[in-house]
Amino acid sequence: MSDQTITNAALAETFAQESGEVWLLFVTVEHPALTDGPLYLVRNTVDVTRTVAGQPVTYTGAQFEYVPPEQREENVSVGRIRVPNVHRDIVNGLRLLKNRDPARVTLEWTLASAPDTPQQHPLELDLDQVSYDAEWVEGRLTAGGLNAAYPELNFDNANFPGIYPG
């Protein structure tokens, strides 16, 4: 894809008075705890197969909710993702992420007529604080590393023996 942020075809569909085109949001969730491999979701009523790294990958259709992080200057922006607790493979995979290090989530928007052509650069976020109940599995989305403590280590005798006498 070129340096443009959205293709001309997508711009034409976006600005058209009427359009039969549908935007799809593809989500890939990666984490070492997911022993069967990444979770692939698409916000759609049916599964969609697209090419990833030269291989066909089927994304499971799910009516999930995505709330993007806000653009704010004063503090760290947080988004959310909520997936209905109805598909066993998805729910079991997301439940594995509870109380673990953040998972890597990649978001890509495409037109339904061209699912292999992302309409902008992928957005990569961290997924943590995963929780679930009878209806939903949900988690917090943040830009990687923005919530990390700074400096990363505390300068104390536990981390740096001998730094303080006594």
C-alpha atoms as a PDB file:
ATOM      1  CA  MET A   1       0.000   0.000   0.000  1.00  0.00           C
ATOM      2  CA  SER A   2       1.200   3.508  -0.707  1.00  0.00           C
ATOM      3  CA  ASP A   3       1.778   6.243   1.853  1.00  0.00           C
ATOM      4  CA  GLN A   4      -1.854   7.390   1.673  1.00  0.00           C
ATOM      5  CA  THR A   5      -3.928   6.677   4.727  1.00  0.00           C
ATOM      6  CA  ILE A   6      -6.970   5.401   2.807  1.00  0.00           C
ATOM      7  CA  THR A   7      -7.394   4.098  -0.750  1.00  0.00           C
ATOM      8  CA  ASN A   8      -9.172   6.112  -3.423  1.00  0.00           C
ATOM      9  CA  ALA A   9     -11.861   3.402  -3.695  1.00  0.00           C
ATOM     10  CA  ALA A  10     -12.573   3.646   0.029  1.00  0.00           C
ATOM     11  CA  LEU A  11     -12.683   7.448  -0.121  1.00  0.00           C
ATOM     12  CA  ALA A  12     -15.160   7.304  -2.992  1.00  0.00           C
ATOM     13  CA  GLU A  13     -17.390   4.894  -1.043  1.00  0.00           C
ATOM     14  CA  THR A  14     -17.131   6.994   2.114  1.00  0.00           C
ATOM     15  CA  PHE A  15     -18.126  10.240   0.417  1.00  0.00           C
ATOM     16  CA  ALA A  16     -20.787   8.757  -1.864  1.00  0.00           C
ATOM     17  CA  GLN A  17     -24.358   9.835  -1.149  1.00  0.00           C
ATOM     18  CA  GLU A  18     -25.356   6.158  -1.160  1.00  0.00           C
ATOM     19  CA  SER A  19     -23.142   3.107  -0.989  1.00  0.00           C
ATOM     20  CA  GLY A  20     -23.630  -0.627  -0.888  1.00  0.00           C
ATOM     21  CA  GLU A  21     -20.105  -1.078   0.465  1.00  0.00           C
ATOM     22  CA  VAL A  22     -19.557  -2.424   3.967  1.00  0.00           C
ATOM     23  CA  TRP A  23     -16.567  -1.644   6.189  1.00  0.00           C
ATOM     24  CA  LEU A  24     -15.130  -4.612   8.089  1.00  0.00           C
ATOM     25  CA  LEU A  25     -12.970  -4.472  11.195  1.00  0.00           C
ATOM     26  CA  PHE A  26     -10.505  -7.386  11.458  1.00  0.00           C
ATOM     27  CA  VAL A  27      -8.984  -8.153  14.868  1.00  0.00           C
ATOM     28  CA  THR A  28      -6.009 -10.425  15.545  1.00  0.00           C
ATOM     29  CA  VAL A  29      -5.215 -11.293  19.183  1.00  0.00           C
ATOM     30  CA  GLU A  30      -1.769 -12.782  19.877  1.00  0.00           C
ATOM     31  CA  HIS A  31      -0.360 -14.072  23.170  1.00  0.00           C
ATOM     32  CA  PRO A  32       1.859 -17.025  24.206  1.00  0.00           C
ATOM     33  CA  ALA A  33      -1.020 -18.396  26.336  1.00  0.00           C
ATOM     34  CA  LEU A  34      -3.021 -18.946  23.129  1.00  0.00           C
ATOM     35  CA  THR A  35      -1.497 -22.344  22.378  1.00  0.00           C
ATOM     36  CA  ASP A  36      -3.771 -22.925  19.355  1.00  0.00           C
ATOM     37  CA  GLY A  37      -2.466 -19.744  17.745  1.00  0.00           C
ATOM     38  CA  PRO A  38      -3.866 -16.235  17.413  1.00  0.00           C
ATOM     39  CA  LEU A  39      -7.566 -15.445  17.648  1.00  0.00           C
ATOM     40  CA  TYR A  40      -8.979 -14.016  14.429  1.00  0.00           C
ATOM     41  CA  LEU A  41     -12.219 -11.997  14.600  1.00  0.00           C
ATOM     42  CA  VAL A  42     -14.104  -9.869  12.115  1.00  0.00           C
ATOM     43  CA  ARG A  43     -16.993  -7.584  12.989  1.00  0.00           C
ATOM     44  CA  ASN A  44     -19.474  -9.219  10.667  1.00  0.00           C
ATOM     45  CA  THR A  45     -22.381 -11.656  10.701  1.00  0.00           C
ATOM     46  CA  VAL A  46     -20.425 -14.324   8.791  1.00  0.00           C
ATOM     47  CA  ASP A  47     -16.854 -15.614   8.750  1.00  0.00           C
ATOM     48  CA  VAL A  48     -14.472 -13.963   6.271  1.00  0.00           C
ATOM     49  CA  THR A  49     -11.349 -15.530   4.757  1.00  0.00           C
ATOM     50  CA  ARG A  50      -8.479 -13.234   3.853  1.00  0.00           C
ATOM     51  CA  THR A  51      -4.805 -13.648   3.028  1.00  0.00           C
ATOM     52  CA  VAL A  52      -2.297 -13.090   5.845  1.00  0.00           C
ATOM     53  CA  ALA A  53       1.423 -13.511   5.114  1.00  0.00           C
ATOM     54  CA  GLY A  54       0.530 -15.355   1.910  1.00  0.00           C
ATOM     55  CA  GLN A  55      -1.776 -17.856   3.648  1.00  0.00           C
ATOM     56  CA  PRO A  56      -5.584 -17.939   3.788  1.00  0.00           C
ATOM     57  CA  VAL A  57      -6.888 -17.214   7.289  1.00  0.00           C
ATOM     58  CA  THR A  58     -10.532 -17.444   8.340  1.00  0.00           C
ATOM     59  CA  TYR A  59     -11.679 -14.698  10.685  1.00  0.00           C
ATOM     60  CA  THR A  60     -14.659 -15.658  12.839  1.00  0.00           C
ATOM     61  CA  GLY A  61     -17.633 -13.372  12.401  1.00  0.00           C
ATOM     62  CA  ALA A  62     -18.700 -11.814  15.706  1.00  0.00           C
ATOM     63  CA  GLN A  63     -20.782  -8.800  16.613  1.00  0.00           C
ATOM     64  CA  PHE A  64     -18.204  -7.403  19.022  1.00  0.00           C
ATOM     65  CA  GLU A  65     -18.028  -3.840  20.268  1.00  0.00           C
ATOM     66  CA  TYR A  66     -14.903  -1.743  19.801  1.00  0.00           C
ATOM     67  CA  VAL A  67     -14.438   1.605  21.522  1.00  0.00           C
ATOM     68  CA  PRO A  68     -11.230   3.280  20.328  1.00  0.00           C
ATOM     69  CA  PRO A  69      -8.907   5.087  22.711  1.00  0.00           C
ATOM     70  CA  GLU A  70      -9.673   8.795  22.883  1.00  0.00           C
ATOM     71  CA  GLN A  71      -7.082  11.341  21.817  1.00  0.00           C
ATOM     72  CA  ARG A  72      -6.336  13.241  24.998  1.00  0.00           C
ATOM     73  CA  GLU A  73      -3.227  15.080  26.062  1.00  0.00           C
ATOM     74  CA  GLU A  74      -3.605  15.060  29.832  1.00  0.00           C
ATOM     75  CA  ASN A  75      -3.454  11.296  30.539  1.00  0.00           C
ATOM     76  CA  VAL A  76      -3.206   7.854  28.966  1.00  0.00           C
ATOM     77  CA  SER A  77      -6.054   7.046  26.620  1.00  0.00           C
ATOM     78  CA  VAL A  78      -7.898   3.756  27.032  1.00  0.00           C
ATOM     79  CA  GLY A  79     -10.160   1.869  24.637  1.00  0.00           C
ATOM     80  CA  ARG A  80     -12.309  -1.246  25.120  1.00  0.00           C
ATOM     81  CA  ILE A  81     -13.307  -4.350  23.251  1.00  0.00           C
ATOM     82  CA  ARG A  82     -16.357  -6.460  24.188  1.00  0.00           C
ATOM     83  CA  VAL A  83     -17.065  -9.814  22.576  1.00  0.00           C
ATOM     84  CA  PRO A  84     -20.386 -11.622  23.087  1.00  0.00           C
ATOM     85  CA  ASN A  85     -19.941 -14.724  25.230  1.00  0.00           C
ATOM     86  CA  VAL A  86     -21.429 -17.009  22.573  1.00  0.00           C
ATOM     87  CA  HIS A  87     -18.593 -18.575  20.556  1.00  0.00           C
ATOM     88  CA  ARG A  88     -16.748 -21.209  22.600  1.00  0.00           C
ATOM     89  CA  ASP A  89     -13.355 -20.955  20.854  1.00  0.00           C
ATOM     90  CA  ILE A  90     -13.223 -17.174  21.093  1.00  0.00           C
ATOM     91  CA  VAL A  91     -14.438 -17.015  24.674  1.00  0.00           C
ATOM     92  CA  ASN A  92     -12.104 -19.776  25.868  1.00  0.00           C
ATOM     93  CA  GLY A  93      -9.173 -18.047  24.178  1.00  0.00           C
ATOM     94  CA  LEU A  94      -9.966 -14.644  25.658  1.00  0.00           C
ATOM     95  CA  ARG A  95     -10.553 -16.147  29.105  1.00  0.00           C
ATOM     96  CA  LEU A  96      -6.991 -17.544  28.973  1.00  0.00           C
ATOM     97  CA  LEU A  97      -5.755 -13.947  28.928  1.00  0.00           C
ATOM     98  CA  LYS A  98      -7.263 -13.047  32.319  1.00  0.00           C
ATOM     99  CA  ASN A  99      -4.569 -12.118  34.885  1.00  0.00           C
ATOM    100  CA  ARG A 100      -1.732 -12.400  32.336  1.00  0.00           C
ATOM    101  CA  ASP A 101       0.654 -10.030  30.625  1.00  0.00           C
ATOM    102  CA  PRO A 102      -1.013  -7.929  27.922  1.00  0.00           C
ATOM    103  CA  ALA A 103      -1.873  -9.564  24.609  1.00  0.00           C
ATOM    104  CA  ARG A 104      -1.052  -7.871  21.311  1.00  0.00           C
ATOM    105  CA  VAL A 105      -4.149  -6.822  19.327  1.00  0.00           C
ATOM    106  CA  THR A 106      -3.944  -5.747  15.689  1.00  0.00           C
ATOM    107  CA  LEU A 107      -6.900  -3.891  14.156  1.00  0.00           C
ATOM    108  CA  GLU A 108      -7.361  -3.525  10.400  1.00  0.00           C
ATOM    109  CA  TRP A 109     -10.212  -1.889   8.489  1.00  0.00           C
ATOM    110  CA  THR A 110     -11.085  -3.049   4.968  1.00  0.00           C
ATOM    111  CA  LEU A 111     -13.930  -2.860   2.515  1.00  0.00           C
ATOM    112  CA  ALA A 112     -15.971  -6.072   2.330  1.00  0.00           C
ATOM    113  CA  SER A 113     -15.361  -6.184  -1.428  1.00  0.00           C
ATOM    114  CA  ALA A 114     -11.570  -6.229  -0.870  1.00  0.00           C
ATOM    115  CA  PRO A 115     -10.809  -7.885   2.496  1.00  0.00           C
ATOM    116  CA  ASP A 116      -7.123  -8.378   1.615  1.00  0.00           C
ATOM    117  CA  THR A 117      -6.593  -4.624   1.155  1.00  0.00           C
ATOM    118  CA  PRO A 118      -6.274  -2.718   4.444  1.00  0.00           C
ATOM    119  CA  GLN A 119      -7.585   0.827   4.127  1.00  0.00           C
ATOM    120  CA  GLN A 120      -5.058   2.262   6.547  1.00  0.00           C
ATOM    121  CA  HIS A 121      -2.027   1.101   8.454  1.00  0.00           C
ATOM    122  CA  PRO A 122      -2.856  -1.530  11.095  1.00  0.00           C
ATOM    123  CA  LEU A 123      -3.399  -0.245  14.622  1.00  0.00           C
ATOM    124  CA  GLU A 124      -1.560  -2.247  17.275  1.00  0.00           C
ATOM    125  CA  LEU A 125      -2.730  -2.089  20.884  1.00  0.00           C
ATOM    126  CA  ASP A 126      -2.239  -4.021  24.105  1.00  0.00           C
ATOM    127  CA  LEU A 127      -5.169  -5.952  25.593  1.00  0.00           C
ATOM    128  CA  ASP A 128      -5.247  -6.379  29.362  1.00  0.00           C
ATOM    129  CA  GLN A 129      -7.688  -6.355  32.299  1.00  0.00           C
ATOM    130  CA  VAL A 130      -9.726  -9.110  30.627  1.00  0.00           C
ATOM    131  CA  SER A 131     -12.956  -9.966  32.464  1.00  0.00           C
ATOM    132  CA  TYR A 132     -16.034 -11.964  31.596  1.00  0.00           C
ATOM    133  CA  ASP A 133     -19.552 -12.815  32.689  1.00  0.00           C
ATOM    134  CA  ALA A 134     -22.449 -14.798  31.226  1.00  0.00           C
ATOM    135  CA  GLU A 135     -22.948 -12.283  28.389  1.00  0.00           C
ATOM    136  CA  TRP A 136     -19.612 -10.658  27.514  1.00  0.00           C
ATOM    137  CA  VAL A 137     -15.840 -11.060  27.511  1.00  0.00           C
ATOM    138  CA  GLU A 138     -14.182  -7.656  27.590  1.00  0.00           C
ATOM    139  CA  GLY A 139     -10.814  -6.019  28.030  1.00  0.00           C
ATOM    140  CA  ARG A 140      -8.960  -2.730  28.037  1.00  0.00           C
ATOM    141  CA  LEU A 141      -6.990  -1.548  24.994  1.00  0.00           C
ATOM    142  CA  THR A 142      -3.999   0.757  25.368  1.00  0.00           C
ATOM    143  CA  ALA A 143      -1.059   1.833  23.260  1.00  0.00           C
ATOM    144  CA  GLY A 144       1.845  -0.451  24.151  1.00  0.00           C
ATOM    145  CA  GLY A 145       4.165   0.756  26.851  1.00  0.00           C
ATOM    146  CA  LEU A 146       2.277   3.928  27.681  1.00  0.00           C
ATOM    147  CA  ASN A 147       1.056   2.480  30.965  1.00  0.00           C
ATOM    148  CA  ALA A 148       4.451   1.136  31.992  1.00  0.00           C
ATOM    149  CA  ALA A 149       6.134   2.593  35.040  1.00  0.00           C
ATOM    150  CA  TYR A 150       8.992   5.003  34.434  1.00  0.00           C
ATOM    151  CA  PRO A 151      11.685   4.346  35.220  1.00  0.00           C
ATOM    152  CA  GLU A 152      11.028   0.656  34.623  1.00  0.00           C
ATOM    153  CA  LEU A 153      12.983  -0.487  37.683  1.00  0.00           C
ATOM    154  CA  ASN A 154      13.079   0.875  41.197  1.00  0.00           C
ATOM    155  CA  PHE A 155      16.554   1.798  42.268  1.00  0.00           C
ATOM    156  CA  ASP A 156      16.721  -0.110  45.548  1.00  0.00           C
ATOM    157  CA  ASN A 157      18.895  -2.807  47.119  1.00  0.00           C
ATOM    158  CA  ALA A 158      16.648  -5.582  45.744  1.00  0.00           C
ATOM    159  CA  ASN A 159      17.234  -4.589  42.121  1.00  0.00           C
ATOM    160  CA  PHE A 160      20.659  -3.015  42.547  1.00  0.00           C
ATOM    161  CA  PRO A 161      22.527  -4.624  45.477  1.00  0.00           C
ATOM    162  CA  GLY A 162      24.905  -2.219  47.172  1.00  0.00           C
ATOM    163  CA  ILE A 163      23.342   0.944  45.786  1.00  0.00           C
ATOM    164  CA  TYR A 164      22.460   2.067  49.318  1.00  0.00           C
ATOM    165  CA  PRO A 165      24.804   1.245  52.177  1.00  0.00           C
ATOM    166  CA  GLY A 166      23.438  -0.726  55.085  1.00  0.00           C
END
